């Protein structure tokens, strides 16, 4: 008998059908992966199981859990069940953890509510849970903001398994984590599953993780199940064209570095077209940017009056050639993002120099630097957070041109903005729309178009595709490569995903604890890594260990 059986599940929001007759099951003591792109309905299906869809107009069908019909339970019965017998790990732990309560208080609350423990009993059990998920006992009194992303996710897992649930739902629990932390979290979930005899419903868009974790796979698209079956069978011989397209989009260390875009069944750009990468490389390999001994330290408080310096970046040096891409990789806290922000003077450097066009960007006065700001631009990880929600796309594109006095008049600027929308694969109708009306991939295209309004020579891409689905990620990467070939742009591409970096970069710089441990041509680094840390990063990639 299966632990969870879903039959003909339908969910509608304001007359929009998000889930359209979905059926699948989760056996006991097994892992089922629910995969698909954003908007496929996979997360909505899991929230229906948890009873977290209060805003839905209607939820119908059948959700049988351990012989009970969940849709027939009232709110009190559902709350008693969820958290104790069904638990969920969400994608973004910092959005799920209360920042004003300690880790111990939040885990203890679950134990007191569902297990009726006293405060002393809950604290003892919390210490055991933290040890089980690999957290130091001393962190029990830490606040979420004092923890790294991986530690926050471990706290969420400890909270989820506190009552030893029968079913654990993991909704994209490792999407934004480094490969090494990702591997630790996956191994932890697998270990806890065996120890507690849990079933796991693992929601992801990363088919590499599916191959490592899942016993069975359910592929969803547009609210429907397109394919389901044993993981090995689905991944090795997919029957549905959409599943094959997802597999073709996935980047691995074996993906050729500069291929043409694969023909994909059912996955398209905004207009259903593709970008032409056959224009050839029109590059001048002269040095464009020279960074010498760049350093950055932050002052941190210790106690009431004490202070100490934290060295985020230590003596980083590299050269970026025209029309080339430097990939910067490393775990969280390695200093890679700090390097990018310091180059643009968004952080004040503690030492070193950045030579661009014969001038040191770090030593020049702020007024003189204004002329260089337009030539070095940054694309941030989260486009929705970096785009003004009150501006239309047209306003977003026109504002930097107005500030830097680009274009003869408003008519010329509007024409330039529309041309840029076309260049990044968005329709002219996008000009009058707002950021929230677009998907994540489309918003990232808008962010890239905004940078291009200033006609930059260098783009710093800071984790700009890490949270995107594999197909959208591939589209944005191909867009970046196409723009580089057409405009001769240089990229500093910051990422924790080594497969993505290999696909795009000519050179790779590996950072650890603020120090460059290896810098080499991409092909040489991936085929014969010299530093043990680089080898450990490569071995942590799903399917490469």
Protein backbone atom coordinates (compact mmCIF):
# COMPACT_ATOMS: atom_id res chain seq x y z
CA UNK A 1 0.00 0.00 0.00
CA UNK A 2 1.31 3.48 -0.89
CA UNK A 3 1.73 6.08 1.83
CA UNK A 4 0.41 8.93 -0.36
CA UNK A 5 -2.01 8.55 -3.27
CA UNK A 6 -3.14 11.55 -5.30
CA UNK A 7 -5.96 11.06 -7.81
CA UNK A 8 -7.30 13.66 -10.26
CA UNK A 9 -6.05 16.62 -8.19
CA UNK A 10 -7.27 19.96 -9.53
CA UNK A 11 -6.37 23.40 -8.17
CA UNK A 12 -7.66 26.71 -9.54
CA UNK A 13 -6.70 30.30 -8.70
CA UNK A 14 -9.12 32.97 -9.93
CA UNK A 15 -10.32 30.76 -12.76
CA UNK A 16 -6.73 29.86 -13.72
CA UNK A 17 -6.17 26.11 -13.60
CA UNK A 18 -2.80 25.59 -11.89
CA UNK A 19 -3.16 21.80 -11.50
CA UNK A 20 -5.27 19.87 -14.00
CA UNK A 21 -6.14 16.35 -12.95
CA UNK A 22 -2.79 15.20 -11.54
CA UNK A 23 -2.41 11.64 -10.27
CA UNK A 24 0.64 9.97 -8.72
CA UNK A 25 1.62 8.03 -5.60
CA UNK A 26 4.47 7.92 -3.07
CA UNK A 27 5.33 4.41 -1.81
CA UNK A 28 6.43 3.81 1.76
CA UNK A 29 10.16 4.28 2.48
CA UNK A 30 10.80 5.56 -1.05
CA UNK A 31 11.79 8.84 -2.72
CA UNK A 32 9.65 10.24 -5.51
CA UNK A 33 10.96 13.23 -7.48
CA UNK A 34 8.46 15.75 -8.83
CA UNK A 35 10.20 17.66 -11.65
CA UNK A 36 9.28 20.40 -14.09
CA UNK A 37 9.78 24.07 -14.87
CA UNK A 38 8.38 27.00 -12.90
CA UNK A 39 4.63 27.10 -13.35
CA UNK A 40 4.35 23.37 -13.95
CA UNK A 41 2.25 22.91 -10.81
CA UNK A 42 4.69 20.81 -8.80
CA UNK A 43 4.90 23.15 -5.77
CA UNK A 44 1.15 23.82 -5.86
CA UNK A 45 0.55 20.06 -5.73
CA UNK A 46 2.74 19.75 -2.63
CA UNK A 47 1.05 22.73 -0.95
CA UNK A 48 -2.31 21.05 -1.59
CA UNK A 49 -1.03 18.01 0.32
CA UNK A 50 0.02 20.28 3.21
CA UNK A 51 -3.27 22.20 3.17
CA UNK A 52 -1.53 25.54 2.53
CA UNK A 53 -3.70 26.76 -0.36
CA UNK A 54 -6.15 29.05 1.40
CA UNK A 55 -6.06 31.48 -1.53
CA UNK A 56 -7.12 28.82 -4.03
CA UNK A 57 -10.62 29.14 -5.47
CA UNK A 58 -11.01 25.41 -5.52
CA UNK A 59 -9.17 22.20 -4.68
CA UNK A 60 -10.77 18.97 -5.81
CA UNK A 61 -9.91 15.35 -6.37
CA UNK A 62 -8.48 12.97 -3.79
CA UNK A 63 -5.37 13.08 -1.56
CA UNK A 64 -5.16 9.86 0.46
CA UNK A 65 -2.48 9.78 3.16
CA UNK A 66 -1.99 6.58 5.12
CA UNK A 67 -5.60 5.60 4.43
CA UNK A 68 -7.10 9.04 5.28
CA UNK A 69 -8.67 11.49 2.85
CA UNK A 70 -6.91 14.79 3.56
CA UNK A 71 -9.39 16.95 1.65
CA UNK A 72 -12.16 15.73 3.99
CA UNK A 73 -10.38 16.89 7.18
CA UNK A 74 -11.25 20.19 8.84
CA UNK A 75 -8.64 22.84 9.63
CA UNK A 76 -7.89 21.61 13.16
CA UNK A 77 -7.45 18.00 12.03
CA UNK A 78 -5.23 19.10 9.15
CA UNK A 79 -2.99 21.18 11.42
CA UNK A 80 -2.58 18.29 13.85
CA UNK A 81 -1.47 16.05 10.98
CA UNK A 82 0.83 18.46 9.14
CA UNK A 83 4.02 18.97 11.06
CA UNK A 84 3.71 15.71 12.92
CA UNK A 85 3.08 13.07 10.24
CA UNK A 86 3.70 15.22 7.15
CA UNK A 87 6.51 17.80 7.21
CA UNK A 88 7.88 20.18 4.60
CA UNK A 89 11.24 21.79 3.88
CA UNK A 90 10.86 24.98 1.88
CA UNK A 91 13.22 26.37 -0.77
CA UNK A 92 14.27 29.54 1.05
CA UNK A 93 14.97 28.84 4.74
CA UNK A 94 15.41 32.49 5.72
CA UNK A 95 11.86 33.19 4.54
CA UNK A 96 10.57 30.30 6.69
CA UNK A 97 12.56 30.93 9.88
CA UNK A 98 11.51 33.72 12.24
CA UNK A 99 14.46 36.15 12.46
CA UNK A 100 13.61 37.30 16.02
CA UNK A 101 13.60 33.85 17.63
CA UNK A 102 16.59 31.61 18.25
CA UNK A 103 17.02 28.32 16.43
CA UNK A 104 16.36 26.40 19.64
CA UNK A 105 13.14 28.28 20.35
CA UNK A 106 11.74 27.55 16.88
CA UNK A 107 12.54 23.84 16.90
CA UNK A 108 11.32 23.60 20.49
CA UNK A 109 7.99 25.16 19.54
CA UNK A 110 7.31 22.28 17.13
CA UNK A 111 8.09 19.72 19.85
CA UNK A 112 5.92 21.42 22.47
CA UNK A 113 3.01 21.85 20.06
CA UNK A 114 2.93 18.38 18.50
CA UNK A 115 4.74 16.18 21.06
CA UNK A 116 3.48 18.00 24.20
CA UNK A 117 6.99 18.24 25.65
CA UNK A 118 8.01 20.55 28.46
CA UNK A 119 10.54 23.30 27.75
CA UNK A 120 13.35 21.28 29.32
CA UNK A 121 12.43 18.16 27.34
CA UNK A 122 12.13 20.16 24.13
CA UNK A 123 15.58 21.71 24.63
CA UNK A 124 17.19 18.32 25.21
CA UNK A 125 15.50 16.92 22.11
CA UNK A 126 16.49 20.01 20.10
CA UNK A 127 20.16 19.43 20.99
CA UNK A 128 19.82 15.82 19.77
CA UNK A 129 18.21 16.98 16.52
CA UNK A 130 20.91 19.58 15.86
CA UNK A 131 23.56 16.92 16.38
CA UNK A 132 21.68 14.61 14.01
CA UNK A 133 21.73 17.20 11.21
CA UNK A 134 25.40 18.05 11.80
CA UNK A 135 25.01 21.38 13.64
CA UNK A 136 27.18 22.31 16.65
CA UNK A 137 25.26 22.25 19.94
CA UNK A 138 26.34 25.83 20.61
CA UNK A 139 24.20 27.08 17.72
CA UNK A 140 21.00 26.29 19.63
CA UNK A 141 20.91 29.87 20.90
CA UNK A 142 21.91 31.44 17.58
CA UNK A 143 19.51 33.51 15.50
CA UNK A 144 18.84 32.56 11.83
CA UNK A 145 20.67 35.66 10.58
CA UNK A 146 23.85 34.41 12.24
CA UNK A 147 23.87 31.20 10.22
CA UNK A 148 25.01 30.44 6.67
CA UNK A 149 22.52 29.27 4.03
CA UNK A 150 23.54 25.64 4.52
CA UNK A 151 23.18 25.90 8.30
CA UNK A 152 19.75 27.52 7.95
CA UNK A 153 18.63 24.65 5.74
CA UNK A 154 19.91 22.15 8.32
CA UNK A 155 17.79 23.91 10.96
CA UNK A 156 14.76 23.59 8.68
CA UNK A 157 15.46 19.88 8.27
CA UNK A 158 15.84 19.44 12.04
CA UNK A 159 12.48 21.17 12.50
CA UNK A 160 10.88 18.98 9.82
CA UNK A 161 12.07 15.67 11.30
CA UNK A 162 11.48 16.70 14.93
CA UNK A 163 8.26 14.68 15.17
CA UNK A 164 9.61 11.83 12.99
CA UNK A 165 7.07 12.31 10.17
CA UNK A 166 6.06 9.54 7.80
CA UNK A 167 6.27 11.84 4.76
CA UNK A 168 8.88 14.56 4.16
CA UNK A 169 8.19 17.02 1.34
CA UNK A 170 11.36 18.82 0.18
CA UNK A 171 10.55 21.75 -2.13
CA UNK A 172 13.73 22.77 -3.98
CA UNK A 173 15.76 22.53 -0.73
CA UNK A 174 19.18 22.92 -2.39
CA UNK A 175 18.56 25.24 -5.36
CA UNK A 176 20.62 28.20 -4.15
CA UNK A 177 23.27 26.22 -2.23
CA UNK A 178 26.88 25.58 -3.20
CA UNK A 179 27.65 22.16 -4.66
CA UNK A 180 29.47 20.99 -1.54
CA UNK A 181 26.68 22.14 0.82
CA UNK A 182 24.13 20.72 -1.62
CA UNK A 183 25.83 17.34 -1.47
CA UNK A 184 25.87 17.44 2.34
CA UNK A 185 22.14 18.27 2.50
CA UNK A 186 21.22 15.51 0.04
CA UNK A 187 23.30 12.96 1.93
CA UNK A 188 21.70 14.13 5.18
CA UNK A 189 18.16 13.72 3.81
CA UNK A 190 19.00 10.24 2.47
CA UNK A 191 20.55 9.23 5.81
CA UNK A 192 17.58 10.54 7.82
CA UNK A 193 15.17 8.80 5.47
CA UNK A 194 16.75 5.43 6.19
CA UNK A 195 17.05 6.08 9.93
CA UNK A 196 13.44 7.22 10.35
CA UNK A 197 11.87 5.05 7.60
CA UNK A 198 10.39 8.14 5.91
CA UNK A 199 8.96 8.59 2.46
CA UNK A 200 10.28 11.64 0.59
CA UNK A 201 8.57 13.75 -2.08
CA UNK A 202 11.49 15.68 -3.59
CA UNK A 203 10.52 18.68 -5.75
CA UNK A 204 13.20 19.97 -8.08
CA UNK A 205 14.06 21.19 -11.58
CA UNK A 206 17.57 19.68 -11.40
CA UNK A 207 17.58 16.30 -13.13
CA UNK A 208 21.10 15.65 -11.84
CA UNK A 209 19.70 15.51 -8.31
CA UNK A 210 16.91 13.22 -9.48
CA UNK A 211 19.45 10.71 -10.76
CA UNK A 212 21.21 10.71 -7.38
CA UNK A 213 18.19 10.62 -5.04
CA UNK A 214 14.98 9.33 -6.56
CA UNK A 215 13.46 5.88 -6.88
CA UNK A 216 10.62 7.18 -9.05
CA UNK A 217 10.09 10.34 -11.15
CA UNK A 218 6.96 12.32 -12.00
CA UNK A 219 7.45 14.91 -14.77
CA UNK A 220 4.96 17.81 -14.80
CA UNK A 221 4.24 20.58 -17.27
CA UNK A 222 1.41 23.14 -17.34
CA UNK A 223 -0.35 21.48 -14.42
CA UNK A 224 -0.36 18.00 -15.95
CA UNK A 225 1.72 14.85 -15.54
CA UNK A 226 3.64 14.25 -18.75
CA UNK A 227 5.57 11.16 -17.70
CA UNK A 228 6.05 8.96 -14.63
CA UNK A 229 8.03 5.85 -13.82
CA UNK A 230 11.20 4.44 -12.26
CA UNK A 231 13.94 7.08 -12.17
CA UNK A 232 16.50 5.02 -14.07
CA UNK A 233 14.03 4.26 -16.86
CA UNK A 234 12.73 7.84 -17.23
CA UNK A 235 16.20 9.39 -17.24
CA UNK A 236 17.82 6.87 -19.56
CA UNK A 237 14.94 6.37 -22.01
CA UNK A 238 12.37 9.17 -21.65
CA UNK A 239 9.15 8.50 -23.52
CA UNK A 240 7.83 12.07 -23.59
CA UNK A 241 9.32 14.80 -25.80
CA UNK A 242 9.17 17.32 -22.94
CA UNK A 243 11.21 15.06 -20.67
CA UNK A 244 13.78 14.67 -23.42
CA UNK A 245 13.88 18.46 -23.83
CA UNK A 246 14.55 18.94 -20.10
CA UNK A 247 17.36 16.41 -20.25
CA UNK A 248 18.85 18.13 -23.31
CA UNK A 249 18.82 21.49 -21.49
CA UNK A 250 20.72 20.24 -18.45
CA UNK A 251 24.32 21.36 -18.35
CA UNK A 252 26.94 18.83 -17.25
CA UNK A 253 30.73 18.78 -17.28
CA UNK A 254 30.45 16.83 -20.53
CA UNK A 255 28.38 19.52 -22.30
CA UNK A 256 30.46 21.11 -25.11
CA UNK A 257 31.56 24.60 -24.13
CA UNK A 258 30.35 26.44 -27.24
CA UNK A 259 27.67 24.38 -28.96
CA UNK A 260 24.78 25.51 -31.08
CA UNK A 261 21.50 25.63 -29.18
CA UNK A 262 19.92 22.15 -29.23
CA UNK A 263 16.57 21.70 -30.91
CA UNK A 264 14.19 21.31 -28.00
CA UNK A 265 10.67 19.93 -28.18
CA UNK A 266 8.31 22.16 -26.26
CA UNK A 267 10.86 24.61 -24.80
CA UNK A 268 11.19 27.98 -26.51
CA UNK A 269 12.21 31.56 -25.92
CA UNK A 270 9.60 34.29 -25.42
CA UNK A 271 8.73 34.31 -29.13
CA UNK A 272 9.28 30.59 -29.61
CA UNK A 273 12.47 31.31 -31.57
CA UNK A 274 16.10 30.55 -30.91
CA UNK A 275 19.27 32.57 -30.94
CA UNK A 276 21.90 32.15 -33.64
CA UNK A 277 25.31 31.42 -32.18
CA UNK A 278 26.98 30.75 -35.52
CA UNK A 279 28.08 34.35 -36.01
CA UNK A 280 31.66 33.46 -35.09
CA UNK A 281 33.92 35.01 -32.49
CA UNK A 282 34.85 38.58 -33.25
CA UNK A 283 37.28 39.27 -30.46
CA UNK A 284 40.28 41.37 -29.61
CA UNK A 285 42.22 39.41 -27.00
CA UNK A 286 43.97 42.46 -25.52
CA UNK A 287 43.73 42.98 -21.76
CA UNK A 288 40.72 45.09 -20.82
CA UNK A 289 40.80 44.90 -17.03
CA UNK A 290 43.76 44.22 -14.74
CA UNK A 291 43.15 43.54 -11.06
CA UNK A 292 46.19 43.60 -8.79
CA UNK A 293 46.24 42.48 -5.15
CA UNK A 294 42.61 43.44 -4.54
CA UNK A 295 41.69 43.19 -0.84
CA UNK A 296 38.60 43.89 1.20
CA UNK A 297 38.07 43.55 4.94
CA UNK A 298 35.05 44.27 7.09
CA UNK A 299 35.04 45.36 10.72
CA UNK A 300 32.86 43.19 12.96
CA UNK A 301 31.81 43.87 16.55
CA UNK A 302 32.71 41.44 19.33
CA UNK A 303 30.84 41.93 22.56
CA UNK A 304 30.01 45.44 23.71
CA UNK A 305 33.24 47.23 22.84
CA UNK A 306 35.43 44.77 20.94
CA UNK A 307 36.04 44.81 17.20
CA UNK A 308 37.82 42.50 14.78
CA UNK A 309 38.61 42.61 11.10
CA UNK A 310 37.23 39.95 8.78
CA UNK A 311 39.23 39.58 5.55
CA UNK A 312 36.68 38.76 2.85
CA UNK A 313 39.12 39.15 -0.07
CA UNK A 314 42.90 38.82 0.18
CA UNK A 315 45.32 39.86 -2.59
CA UNK A 316 43.20 38.77 -5.57
CA UNK A 317 44.83 39.34 -8.97
CA UNK A 318 43.63 38.51 -12.49
CA UNK A 319 43.38 39.89 -16.03
CA UNK A 320 40.19 40.01 -18.12
CA UNK A 321 40.68 40.04 -21.91
CA UNK A 322 38.37 41.79 -24.34
CA UNK A 323 35.47 39.66 -25.47
CA UNK A 324 36.30 36.90 -22.99
CA UNK A 325 34.64 35.42 -19.92
CA UNK A 326 36.28 34.87 -16.55
CA UNK A 327 34.35 32.43 -14.38
CA UNK A 328 34.68 32.96 -10.61
CA UNK A 329 33.67 29.96 -8.51
CA UNK A 330 33.71 28.98 -4.85
CA UNK A 331 31.45 28.26 -1.90
CA UNK A 332 29.43 30.83 0.01
CA UNK A 333 31.83 33.03 1.94
CA UNK A 334 34.67 32.47 -0.54
CA UNK A 335 34.69 36.19 -1.45
CA UNK A 336 33.63 35.84 -5.10
CA UNK A 337 30.66 38.24 -4.84
CA UNK A 338 32.72 40.68 -2.77
CA UNK A 339 35.27 40.79 -5.61
CA UNK A 340 32.55 41.76 -8.09
CA UNK A 341 31.02 44.42 -5.83
CA UNK A 342 34.45 45.89 -4.99
CA UNK A 343 35.34 46.18 -8.68
CA UNK A 344 32.28 48.38 -9.17
CA UNK A 345 33.06 50.34 -5.98
CA UNK A 346 29.82 49.12 -4.37
CA UNK A 347 32.22 48.10 -1.60
CA UNK A 348 35.19 50.31 -0.78
CA UNK A 349 38.40 48.34 -1.37
CA UNK A 350 40.85 47.94 1.50
CA UNK A 351 43.80 47.62 -0.87
CA UNK A 352 44.95 46.87 -4.40
CA UNK A 353 44.18 48.39 -7.77
CA UNK A 354 41.81 47.85 -10.70
CA UNK A 355 43.25 49.13 -13.99
CA UNK A 356 40.77 49.86 -16.77
CA UNK A 357 41.63 51.89 -19.85
CA UNK A 358 44.90 53.00 -18.25
CA UNK A 359 43.30 54.32 -15.03
CA UNK A 360 43.01 52.87 -11.55
CA UNK A 361 39.27 52.77 -10.84
CA UNK A 362 39.78 52.47 -7.10
CA UNK A 363 41.94 55.56 -6.61
CA UNK A 364 40.09 58.05 -8.82
CA UNK A 365 37.67 60.58 -7.29
CA UNK A 366 33.97 59.74 -7.26
CA UNK A 367 33.19 62.37 -9.91
CA UNK A 368 35.79 60.93 -12.29
CA UNK A 369 34.48 57.41 -11.68
CA UNK A 370 31.01 58.40 -12.94
CA UNK A 371 32.26 58.23 -16.52
CA UNK A 372 33.41 54.64 -15.99
CA UNK A 373 30.27 53.38 -14.21
CA UNK A 374 28.41 53.03 -17.48
CA UNK A 375 31.24 50.92 -18.95
CA UNK A 376 31.13 48.27 -16.17
CA UNK A 377 27.66 47.01 -15.25
CA UNK A 378 26.32 44.24 -13.00
CA UNK A 379 23.49 41.71 -13.38
CA UNK A 380 22.33 40.59 -9.94
CA UNK A 381 21.09 37.16 -8.88
CA UNK A 382 17.51 38.20 -8.17
CA UNK A 383 16.12 40.38 -10.98
CA UNK A 384 12.84 40.98 -9.19
CA UNK A 385 14.67 42.57 -6.25
CA UNK A 386 16.82 44.74 -8.54
CA UNK A 387 14.02 45.99 -10.81
CA UNK A 388 11.78 48.80 -9.55
CA UNK A 389 8.28 47.25 -9.24
CA UNK A 390 6.64 50.67 -9.76
CA UNK A 391 8.37 51.28 -13.08
CA UNK A 392 7.26 49.84 -16.38
CA UNK A 393 9.93 48.05 -18.39
CA UNK A 394 10.13 51.15 -20.57
CA UNK A 395 10.87 53.36 -17.55
CA UNK A 396 13.47 50.86 -16.30
CA UNK A 397 15.31 51.06 -19.63
CA UNK A 398 14.97 54.81 -20.13
CA UNK A 399 16.10 55.89 -16.66
CA UNK A 400 19.83 55.01 -17.02
CA UNK A 401 19.90 56.55 -20.50
CA UNK A 402 18.47 59.78 -19.11
CA UNK A 403 20.93 59.84 -16.20
CA UNK A 404 23.93 59.34 -18.47
CA UNK A 405 22.49 61.52 -21.27
CA UNK A 406 22.49 58.76 -23.86
CA UNK A 407 20.38 59.46 -26.92
CA UNK A 408 19.48 62.76 -28.58
CA UNK A 409 15.96 62.93 -27.16
CA UNK A 410 13.14 60.81 -25.66
CA UNK A 411 12.13 59.51 -29.06
CA UNK A 412 15.66 58.23 -29.75
CA UNK A 413 15.84 56.65 -26.28
CA UNK A 414 12.52 54.89 -26.75
CA UNK A 415 13.69 53.53 -30.10
CA UNK A 416 16.92 52.28 -28.44
CA UNK A 417 14.94 50.65 -25.61
CA UNK A 418 12.65 48.83 -28.06
CA UNK A 419 15.68 47.66 -30.03
CA UNK A 420 17.24 46.27 -26.84
CA UNK A 421 14.05 44.41 -25.95
CA UNK A 422 14.18 42.79 -29.36
CA UNK A 423 17.88 41.98 -28.87
CA UNK A 424 17.22 40.12 -25.60
CA UNK A 425 14.26 38.24 -27.08
CA UNK A 426 11.31 40.14 -25.61
CA UNK A 427 8.34 41.55 -27.58
CA UNK A 428 7.74 45.28 -28.00
CA UNK A 429 4.59 44.89 -25.87
CA UNK A 430 6.86 44.30 -22.85
CA UNK A 431 7.70 48.01 -22.91
CA UNK A 432 4.43 49.02 -21.19
CA UNK A 433 4.31 46.15 -18.69
CA UNK A 434 5.62 45.84 -15.10
CA UNK A 435 8.28 43.40 -13.78
CA UNK A 436 5.79 41.27 -11.83
CA UNK A 437 4.04 40.38 -15.10
CA UNK A 438 7.06 38.40 -16.32
CA UNK A 439 8.62 35.06 -15.49
CA UNK A 440 12.00 34.81 -13.76
CA UNK A 441 13.83 34.22 -17.01
CA UNK A 442 12.11 37.15 -18.70
CA UNK A 443 12.93 39.43 -15.75
CA UNK A 444 16.57 38.44 -16.07
CA UNK A 445 16.42 39.41 -19.75
CA UNK A 446 15.04 42.81 -18.71
CA UNK A 447 17.92 43.22 -16.23
CA UNK A 448 20.42 42.41 -19.00
CA UNK A 449 18.70 44.89 -21.36
CA UNK A 450 18.92 47.59 -18.67
CA UNK A 451 22.68 47.02 -18.41
CA UNK A 452 23.02 47.20 -22.20
CA UNK A 453 21.34 50.63 -22.32
CA UNK A 454 24.65 52.08 -21.14
CA UNK A 455 26.64 50.28 -23.84
CA UNK A 456 29.03 48.65 -21.32
CA UNK A 457 32.25 46.87 -22.13
CA UNK A 458 32.18 44.59 -19.05
CA UNK A 459 29.25 42.80 -17.41
CA UNK A 460 29.61 41.32 -13.93
CA UNK A 461 27.05 38.49 -13.66
CA UNK A 462 26.57 37.63 -9.99
CA UNK A 463 24.79 34.25 -9.70
CA UNK A 464 22.50 35.55 -12.44
CA UNK A 465 21.10 32.14 -13.48
CA UNK A 466 21.41 30.09 -10.27
CA UNK A 467 17.70 30.13 -9.36
CA UNK A 468 16.35 29.60 -12.90
CA UNK A 469 14.91 26.41 -14.36
CA UNK A 470 17.26 24.42 -16.58
CA UNK A 471 15.54 25.48 -19.80
CA UNK A 472 15.32 29.18 -18.85
CA UNK A 473 18.89 29.03 -17.55
CA UNK A 474 20.05 27.66 -20.90
CA UNK A 475 18.18 30.42 -22.76
CA UNK A 476 19.79 33.17 -20.66
CA UNK A 477 23.27 31.63 -21.02
CA UNK A 478 22.85 31.38 -24.77
CA UNK A 479 21.65 34.99 -24.81
CA UNK A 480 24.80 36.09 -22.94
CA UNK A 481 27.02 34.18 -25.37
CA UNK A 482 25.19 35.61 -28.38
CA UNK A 483 25.52 39.17 -27.05
CA UNK A 484 29.20 38.59 -26.38
CA UNK A 485 29.78 37.44 -29.93
CA UNK A 486 27.79 40.34 -31.39
CA UNK A 487 28.94 43.19 -29.14
CA UNK A 488 32.36 41.99 -27.96
CA UNK A 489 31.36 42.13 -24.28
CA UNK A 490 33.62 40.82 -21.53
CA UNK A 491 32.05 38.94 -18.61
CA UNK A 492 33.03 38.25 -15.02
CA UNK A 493 30.66 35.35 -14.37
CA UNK A 494 30.27 34.58 -10.65
CA UNK A 495 28.62 31.26 -9.81
CA UNK A 496 28.71 28.22 -7.54
CA UNK A 497 27.59 25.96 -10.43
CA UNK A 498 30.74 24.62 -12.06
CA UNK A 499 28.86 23.03 -14.98
CA UNK A 500 27.34 26.42 -15.87
CA UNK A 501 30.74 28.12 -15.57
CA UNK A 502 32.36 25.54 -17.84
CA UNK A 503 29.71 26.18 -20.51
CA UNK A 504 30.39 29.92 -20.59
CA UNK A 505 33.89 30.69 -19.33
CA UNK A 506 37.24 30.91 -21.11
CA UNK A 507 39.16 31.16 -17.85
CA UNK A 508 38.17 30.02 -14.36
CA UNK A 509 39.28 31.46 -11.02
CA UNK A 510 38.62 29.31 -7.94
CA UNK A 511 38.31 31.12 -4.61
CA UNK A 512 38.28 29.86 -1.05
CA UNK A 513 38.10 31.96 2.11
CA UNK A 514 38.93 35.11 0.17
CA UNK A 515 41.99 33.70 -1.57
CA UNK A 516 42.50 32.58 -5.18
CA UNK A 517 43.57 28.93 -4.97
CA UNK A 518 43.60 28.23 -8.72
CA UNK A 519 43.40 30.26 -11.93
CA UNK A 520 43.60 28.54 -15.32
CA UNK A 521 42.05 28.17 -18.76
CA UNK A 522 38.68 26.45 -18.47
CA UNK A 523 39.59 23.32 -20.42
CA UNK A 524 42.80 22.81 -18.45
CA UNK A 525 41.16 23.38 -15.08
CA UNK A 526 38.29 20.98 -15.68
CA UNK A 527 40.41 18.25 -17.26
CA UNK A 528 43.30 18.45 -14.78
CA UNK A 529 42.51 20.50 -11.63
CA UNK A 530 45.66 21.18 -9.62
CA UNK A 531 44.31 22.23 -6.22
CA UNK A 532 42.58 19.73 -3.86
CA UNK A 533 39.79 22.25 -3.22
CA UNK A 534 39.03 22.48 -6.95
CA UNK A 535 38.91 18.69 -7.14
CA UNK A 536 36.53 18.57 -4.17
CA UNK A 537 34.19 21.09 -5.85
CA UNK A 538 34.14 19.05 -9.06
CA UNK A 539 33.53 15.77 -7.23
CA UNK A 540 30.56 17.32 -5.39
CA UNK A 541 28.63 17.95 -8.64
CA UNK A 542 25.67 15.52 -8.89
CA UNK A 543 26.61 12.62 -11.12
CA UNK A 544 30.31 13.50 -11.02
CA UNK A 545 31.34 12.12 -7.62
